[in-house]
C-alpha atoms as a PDB file:
ATOM      1  CA  MET A   1       0.000   0.000   0.000  1.00  0.00           C
ATOM      2  CA  THR A   2       1.294   3.448  -0.864  1.00  0.00           C
ATOM      3  CA  SER A   3       1.026   6.559   1.282  1.00  0.00           C
ATOM      4  CA  ILE A   4      -1.604   7.932  -1.113  1.00  0.00           C
ATOM      5  CA  GLU A   5      -3.683   4.744  -0.818  1.00  0.00           C
ATOM      6  CA  PHE A   6      -3.356   4.901   2.965  1.00  0.00           C
ATOM      7  CA  VAL A   7      -4.589   8.505   3.082  1.00  0.00           C
ATOM      8  CA  ALA A   8      -7.474   7.610   0.767  1.00  0.00           C
ATOM      9  CA  LEU A   9      -8.654   5.168   3.443  1.00  0.00           C
ATOM     10  CA  ILE A  10      -7.726   7.339   6.452  1.00  0.00           C
ATOM     11  CA  PRO A  11      -8.145  10.900   5.098  1.00  0.00           C
ATOM     12  CA  GLU A  12      -7.497  12.636   8.397  1.00  0.00           C
ATOM     13  CA  MET A  13      -3.857  11.567   8.026  1.00  0.00           C
ATOM     14  CA  MET A  14      -3.460  13.736   4.910  1.00  0.00           C
ATOM     15  CA  PRO A  15      -1.245  16.323   6.688  1.00  0.00           C
ATOM     16  CA  LEU A  16       1.430  13.616   6.937  1.00  0.00           C
ATOM     17  CA  LEU A  17       1.875  13.755   3.154  1.00  0.00           C
ATOM     18  CA  ALA A  18       3.290  17.285   3.439  1.00  0.00           C
ATOM     19  CA  SER A  19       6.663  16.274   4.886  1.00  0.00           C
ATOM     20  CA  ALA A  20       9.359  13.669   4.479  1.00  0.00           C
ATOM     21  CA  GLU A  21       8.966  12.805   8.170  1.00  0.00           C
ATOM     22  CA  GLY A  22       5.240  12.229   7.697  1.00  0.00           C
ATOM     23  CA  LEU A  23       5.799  10.029   4.670  1.00  0.00           C
ATOM     24  CA  ALA A  24       8.388   8.037   6.615  1.00  0.00           C
ATOM     25  CA  LEU A  25       5.969   7.637   9.531  1.00  0.00           C
ATOM     26  CA  ILE A  26       3.305   6.259   7.196  1.00  0.00           C
ATOM     27  CA  SER A  27       5.809   3.886   5.588  1.00  0.00           C
ATOM     28  CA  VAL A  28       7.151   2.591   8.903  1.00  0.00           C
ATOM     29  CA  SER A  29       3.648   2.180  10.309  1.00  0.00           C
ATOM     30  CA  LEU A  30       2.468   0.221   7.269  1.00  0.00           C
ATOM     31  CA  THR A  31       5.518  -2.032   7.525  1.00  0.00           C
ATOM     32  CA  GLN A  32       4.946  -2.529  11.256  1.00  0.00           C
ATOM     33  CA  ALA A  33       1.256  -3.304  10.754  1.00  0.00           C
ATOM     34  CA  ALA A  34       1.583  -5.741   7.840  1.00  0.00           C
ATOM     35  CA  PRO A  35       2.508  -8.853   9.872  1.00  0.00           C
ATOM     36  CA  GLU A  36      -0.479  -8.271  12.163  1.00  0.00           C
ATOM     37  CA  VAL A  37      -3.022  -8.266   9.348  1.00  0.00           C
ATOM     38  CA  GLY A  38      -3.614 -11.934   8.750  1.00  0.00           C
ATOM     39  CA  GLU A  39      -4.715 -14.104   5.881  1.00  0.00           C
ATOM     40  CA  LEU A  40      -8.316 -13.870   7.019  1.00  0.00           C
ATOM     41  CA  PHE A  41      -8.358 -10.204   5.989  1.00  0.00           C
ATOM     42  CA  THR A  42      -6.994 -11.128   2.549  1.00  0.00           C
ATOM     43  CA  GLU A  43      -9.445 -13.990   2.077  1.00  0.00           C
ATOM     44  CA  CYS A  44     -12.370 -11.741   2.993  1.00  0.00           C
ATOM     45  CA  GLY A  45     -11.259  -8.847   0.786  1.00  0.00           C
ATOM     46  CA  VAL A  46     -10.621  -6.353   3.593  1.00  0.00           C
ATOM     47  CA  TYR A  47      -6.821  -6.534   3.779  1.00  0.00           C
ATOM     48  CA  ASP A  48      -6.260  -2.900   2.753  1.00  0.00           C
ATOM     49  CA  ARG A  49      -8.797  -1.606   5.290  1.00  0.00           C
ATOM     50  CA  GLY A  50      -7.268  -3.733   8.050  1.00  0.00           C
ATOM     51  CA  LEU A  51      -3.743  -2.661   7.149  1.00  0.00           C
ATOM     52  CA  ALA A  52      -4.700   1.022   7.053  1.00  0.00           C
ATOM     53  CA  LEU A  53      -6.485   0.844  10.412  1.00  0.00           C
ATOM     54  CA  LYS A  54      -3.593  -0.958  12.110  1.00  0.00           C
ATOM     55  CA  ALA A  55      -1.046   1.489  10.632  1.00  0.00           C
ATOM     56  CA  ALA A  56      -3.201   4.451  11.702  1.00  0.00           C
ATOM     57  CA  HIS A  57      -3.301   2.930  15.189  1.00  0.00           C
ATOM     58  CA  TYR A  58       0.507   2.934  15.301  1.00  0.00           C
ATOM     59  CA  ILE A  59       0.626   6.507  14.008  1.00  0.00           C
ATOM     60  CA  ALA A  60      -1.830   7.536  16.725  1.00  0.00           C
ATOM     61  CA  LEU A  61       0.461   5.997  19.341  1.00  0.00           C
ATOM     62  CA  SER A  62       3.493   7.851  17.957  1.00  0.00           C
ATOM     63  CA  PRO A  63       4.584  11.271  19.225  1.00  0.00           C
ATOM     64  CA  TYR A  64       2.738  12.773  16.221  1.00  0.00           C
ATOM     65  CA  GLY A  65      -0.501  11.094  17.241  1.00  0.00           C
ATOM     66  CA  ILE A  66      -0.108  11.862  20.920  1.00  0.00           C
ATOM     67  CA  ASN A  67       0.424  15.540  20.106  1.00  0.00           C
ATOM     68  CA  ALA A  68      -2.662  15.461  17.875  1.00  0.00           C
ATOM     69  CA  LYS A  69      -4.600  13.904  20.775  1.00  0.00           C
ATOM     70  CA  LEU A  70      -5.413  10.736  18.844  1.00  0.00           C
ATOM     71  CA  VAL A  71      -5.064   8.538  21.951  1.00  0.00           C
ATOM     72  CA  SER A  72      -7.725   8.362  24.651  1.00  0.00           C
ATOM     73  CA  ASP A  73      -6.930   8.604  28.328  1.00  0.00           C
ATOM     74  CA  ALA A  74      -7.402   4.825  28.463  1.00  0.00           C
ATOM     75  CA  GLY A  75      -4.583   4.405  25.927  1.00  0.00           C
ATOM     76  CA  LYS A  76      -6.902   3.327  23.115  1.00  0.00           C
ATOM     77  CA  THR A  77      -7.105   4.735  19.634  1.00  0.00           C
ATOM     78  CA  THR A  78     -10.167   4.984  17.434  1.00  0.00           C
ATOM     79  CA  TYR A  79      -8.243   3.073  14.780  1.00  0.00           C
ATOM     80  CA  GLY A  80      -7.353   0.220  17.125  1.00  0.00           C
ATOM     81  CA  VAL A  81     -10.980  -0.086  18.205  1.00  0.00           C
ATOM     82  CA  GLN A  82     -12.105  -0.093  14.551  1.00  0.00           C
ATOM     83  CA  PHE A  83      -9.462  -2.706  13.692  1.00  0.00           C
ATOM     84  CA  ASP A  84     -10.666  -4.966  16.519  1.00  0.00           C
ATOM     85  CA  ALA A  85     -14.276  -4.551  15.363  1.00  0.00           C
ATOM     86  CA  LEU A  86     -13.288  -5.412  11.788  1.00  0.00           C
ATOM     87  CA  LEU A  87     -11.392  -8.464  13.024  1.00  0.00           C
ATOM     88  CA  ALA A  88     -14.426  -9.615  15.016  1.00  0.00           C
ATOM     89  CA  ALA A  89     -16.735  -9.080  12.037  1.00  0.00           C
ATOM     90  CA  VAL A  90     -14.610 -10.848   9.420  1.00  0.00           C
ATOM     91  CA  THR A  91     -16.181 -14.249   8.832  1.00  0.00           C
ATOM     92  CA  CYS A  92     -16.050 -15.309   5.227  1.00  0.00           C
END
């Protein structure tokens, strides 16, 4: 998945495209998330959505995300919650 494809799925991350640091953060987060998005997502046709949500979760936990207040007081992110819901719903 490219940075542009990621932002198409998670449009609120668009400001990251404006800098080399932001692009690197997206790239690292996608790489970090890939092993956690299993075959079930691929088989059910939701791999890209799962990958984008998991990468956005990692971005939210980064200093960028913490500064943007993307993490709740309980340490959860909207993206992590959405990823878990997608995982629970995937049954193909």
